[in-house]
Amino acid sequence: MKDFQAYLRKEIKRFLPQAQKNITILNRDTKKLMKKTEKNLLETYAKTKEATEAFIFKAQREKLYYELGKVVLPVLSDEQLKNKRIAPTVREIKKLNRMIRSKK
């Protein structure tokens, strides 16, 4: 039994430096990978944040267009509503409103 224990100690001492070296390399590579991943995550976050902010601004702009249309449309006269530039848009808005109401 003592011979086996001595043999095990000898083998462990023989492989221990190589295992420690491999663990050190693994630790170093893991740190590099984590830094690279963190950098990629931060870049993705920044891009997503910019895209989200742009989307929010566009939605706010669309809301203002909608509010403006609600205020201006009732004020327009029949003659103005028949204008070639305004009439198609008004028809399209009415069509979309009907479609929206039908989905509710």
C-alpha atoms as a PDB file:
ATOM      1  CA  MET A   1       0.000   0.000   0.000  1.00  0.00           C
ATOM      2  CA  LYS A   2       2.806   2.397   0.854  1.00  0.00           C
ATOM      3  CA  ASP A   3       4.372   1.649  -2.523  1.00  0.00           C
ATOM      4  CA  PHE A   4       1.118   2.557  -4.263  1.00  0.00           C
ATOM      5  CA  GLN A   5       0.806   5.805  -2.311  1.00  0.00           C
ATOM      6  CA  ALA A   6       4.399   6.668  -3.120  1.00  0.00           C
ATOM      7  CA  TYR A   7       3.736   5.863  -6.762  1.00  0.00           C
ATOM      8  CA  LEU A   8       0.682   8.148  -6.765  1.00  0.00           C
ATOM      9  CA  ARG A   9       2.615  10.990  -5.153  1.00  0.00           C
ATOM     10  CA  LYS A  10       5.377  10.581  -7.697  1.00  0.00           C
ATOM     11  CA  GLU A  11       2.907  10.625 -10.615  1.00  0.00           C
ATOM     12  CA  ILE A  12       1.043  13.618  -9.197  1.00  0.00           C
ATOM     13  CA  LYS A  13       4.308  15.529  -8.773  1.00  0.00           C
ATOM     14  CA  ARG A  14       5.207  14.653 -12.343  1.00  0.00           C
ATOM     15  CA  PHE A  15       1.901  15.844 -13.850  1.00  0.00           C
ATOM     16  CA  LEU A  16       1.214  18.729 -11.456  1.00  0.00           C
ATOM     17  CA  PRO A  17       3.465  21.325 -13.180  1.00  0.00           C
ATOM     18  CA  GLN A  18       1.932  20.591 -16.579  1.00  0.00           C
ATOM     19  CA  ALA A  19      -1.590  20.764 -15.108  1.00  0.00           C
ATOM     20  CA  GLN A  20      -0.796  24.066 -13.399  1.00  0.00           C
ATOM     21  CA  LYS A  21       0.598  25.422 -16.669  1.00  0.00           C
ATOM     22  CA  ASN A  22      -2.527  24.312 -18.544  1.00  0.00           C
ATOM     23  CA  ILE A  23      -4.769  25.857 -15.899  1.00  0.00           C
ATOM     24  CA  THR A  24      -2.839  29.124 -16.141  1.00  0.00           C
ATOM     25  CA  ILE A  25      -3.225  29.116 -19.937  1.00  0.00           C
ATOM     26  CA  LEU A  26      -6.933  28.312 -19.604  1.00  0.00           C
ATOM     27  CA  ASN A  27      -7.364  31.135 -17.090  1.00  0.00           C
ATOM     28  CA  ARG A  28      -5.564  33.606 -19.378  1.00  0.00           C
ATOM     29  CA  ASP A  29      -7.607  32.559 -22.420  1.00  0.00           C
ATOM     30  CA  THR A  30     -10.841  32.773 -20.424  1.00  0.00           C
ATOM     31  CA  LYS A  31     -10.000  36.314 -19.326  1.00  0.00           C
ATOM     32  CA  LYS A  32      -9.297  37.314 -22.950  1.00  0.00           C
ATOM     33  CA  LEU A  33     -12.571  35.797 -24.090  1.00  0.00           C
ATOM     34  CA  MET A  34     -14.501  37.546 -21.317  1.00  0.00           C
ATOM     35  CA  LYS A  35     -12.963  40.916 -22.210  1.00  0.00           C
ATOM     36  CA  LYS A  36     -13.822  40.387 -25.872  1.00  0.00           C
ATOM     37  CA  THR A  37     -17.376  39.322 -24.981  1.00  0.00           C
ATOM     38  CA  GLU A  38     -17.813  42.324 -22.686  1.00  0.00           C
ATOM     39  CA  LYS A  39     -16.613  44.644 -25.452  1.00  0.00           C
ATOM     40  CA  ASN A  40     -19.048  43.073 -27.943  1.00  0.00           C
ATOM     41  CA  LEU A  41     -21.918  43.321 -25.461  1.00  0.00           C
ATOM     42  CA  LEU A  42     -21.199  46.985 -24.795  1.00  0.00           C
ATOM     43  CA  GLU A  43     -21.028  47.727 -28.534  1.00  0.00           C
ATOM     44  CA  THR A  44     -24.299  45.880 -29.131  1.00  0.00           C
ATOM     45  CA  TYR A  45     -25.916  47.741 -26.231  1.00  0.00           C
ATOM     46  CA  ALA A  46     -24.794  51.104 -27.610  1.00  0.00           C
ATOM     47  CA  LYS A  47     -26.098  50.304 -31.104  1.00  0.00           C
ATOM     48  CA  THR A  48     -29.391  49.011 -29.732  1.00  0.00           C
ATOM     49  CA  LYS A  49     -29.782  52.069 -27.522  1.00  0.00           C
ATOM     50  CA  GLU A  50     -29.215  54.393 -30.503  1.00  0.00           C
ATOM     51  CA  ALA A  51     -31.684  52.460 -32.653  1.00  0.00           C
ATOM     52  CA  THR A  52     -34.273  52.484 -29.875  1.00  0.00           C
ATOM     53  CA  GLU A  53     -33.885  56.215 -29.333  1.00  0.00           C
ATOM     54  CA  ALA A  54     -34.254  56.828 -33.074  1.00  0.00           C
ATOM     55  CA  PHE A  55     -37.406  54.679 -33.088  1.00  0.00           C
ATOM     56  CA  ILE A  56     -38.821  56.635 -30.144  1.00  0.00           C
ATOM     57  CA  PHE A  57     -38.169  59.947 -31.898  1.00  0.00           C
ATOM     58  CA  LYS A  58     -39.823  58.658 -35.087  1.00  0.00           C
ATOM     59  CA  ALA A  59     -42.851  57.484 -33.095  1.00  0.00           C
ATOM     60  CA  GLN A  60     -43.100  60.877 -31.395  1.00  0.00           C
ATOM     61  CA  ARG A  61     -42.896  62.572 -34.799  1.00  0.00           C
ATOM     62  CA  GLU A  62     -45.660  60.332 -36.156  1.00  0.00           C
ATOM     63  CA  LYS A  63     -47.802  61.130 -33.132  1.00  0.00           C
ATOM     64  CA  LEU A  64     -47.325  64.847 -33.775  1.00  0.00           C
ATOM     65  CA  TYR A  65     -48.264  64.373 -37.439  1.00  0.00           C
ATOM     66  CA  TYR A  66     -51.389  62.545 -36.288  1.00  0.00           C
ATOM     67  CA  GLU A  67     -52.299  65.264 -33.794  1.00  0.00           C
ATOM     68  CA  LEU A  68     -51.694  67.947 -36.428  1.00  0.00           C
ATOM     69  CA  GLY A  69     -53.899  66.098 -38.891  1.00  0.00           C
ATOM     70  CA  LYS A  70     -56.693  65.801 -36.340  1.00  0.00           C
ATOM     71  CA  VAL A  71     -56.586  69.559 -35.800  1.00  0.00           C
ATOM     72  CA  VAL A  72     -56.162  70.626 -39.429  1.00  0.00           C
ATOM     73  CA  LEU A  73     -58.581  68.247 -41.153  1.00  0.00           C
ATOM     74  CA  PRO A  74     -61.793  69.661 -39.641  1.00  0.00           C
ATOM     75  CA  VAL A  75     -60.677  73.191 -40.515  1.00  0.00           C
ATOM     76  CA  LEU A  76     -60.170  72.448 -44.205  1.00  0.00           C
ATOM     77  CA  SER A  77     -62.970  73.518 -46.504  1.00  0.00           C
ATOM     78  CA  ASP A  78     -64.653  71.197 -49.023  1.00  0.00           C
ATOM     79  CA  GLU A  79     -62.709  72.884 -51.802  1.00  0.00           C
ATOM     80  CA  GLN A  80     -59.410  72.280 -50.040  1.00  0.00           C
ATOM     81  CA  LEU A  81     -60.330  68.648 -49.380  1.00  0.00           C
ATOM     82  CA  LYS A  82     -60.836  68.154 -53.124  1.00  0.00           C
ATOM     83  CA  ASN A  83     -57.343  69.453 -53.850  1.00  0.00           C
ATOM     84  CA  LYS A  84     -55.277  66.931 -55.845  1.00  0.00           C
ATOM     85  CA  ARG A  85     -52.533  66.922 -53.246  1.00  0.00           C
ATOM     86  CA  ILE A  86     -54.753  66.576 -50.183  1.00  0.00           C
ATOM     87  CA  ALA A  87     -57.645  64.373 -51.364  1.00  0.00           C
ATOM     88  CA  PRO A  88     -55.697  61.093 -51.842  1.00  0.00           C
ATOM     89  CA  THR A  89     -54.143  61.405 -48.420  1.00  0.00           C
ATOM     90  CA  VAL A  90     -57.477  62.150 -46.778  1.00  0.00           C
ATOM     91  CA  ARG A  91     -59.030  59.129 -48.527  1.00  0.00           C
ATOM     92  CA  GLU A  92     -56.161  56.932 -47.379  1.00  0.00           C
ATOM     93  CA  ILE A  93     -56.487  58.153 -43.788  1.00  0.00           C
ATOM     94  CA  LYS A  94     -60.226  57.477 -43.796  1.00  0.00           C
ATOM     95  CA  LYS A  95     -59.632  54.019 -45.268  1.00  0.00           C
ATOM     96  CA  LEU A  96     -57.038  53.228 -42.598  1.00  0.00           C
ATOM     97  CA  ASN A  97     -59.335  54.504 -39.861  1.00  0.00           C
ATOM     98  CA  ARG A  98     -62.093  52.189 -41.090  1.00  0.00           C
ATOM     99  CA  MET A  99     -59.659  49.277 -41.131  1.00  0.00           C
ATOM    100  CA  ILE A 100     -58.470  50.094 -37.610  1.00  0.00           C
ATOM    101  CA  ARG A 101     -62.036  50.314 -36.298  1.00  0.00           C
ATOM    102  CA  SER A 102     -62.915  46.984 -37.916  1.00  0.00           C
ATOM    103  CA  LYS A 103     -60.019  45.292 -36.085  1.00  0.00           C
ATOM    104  CA  LYS A 104     -61.111  46.496 -32.647  1.00  0.00           C
END
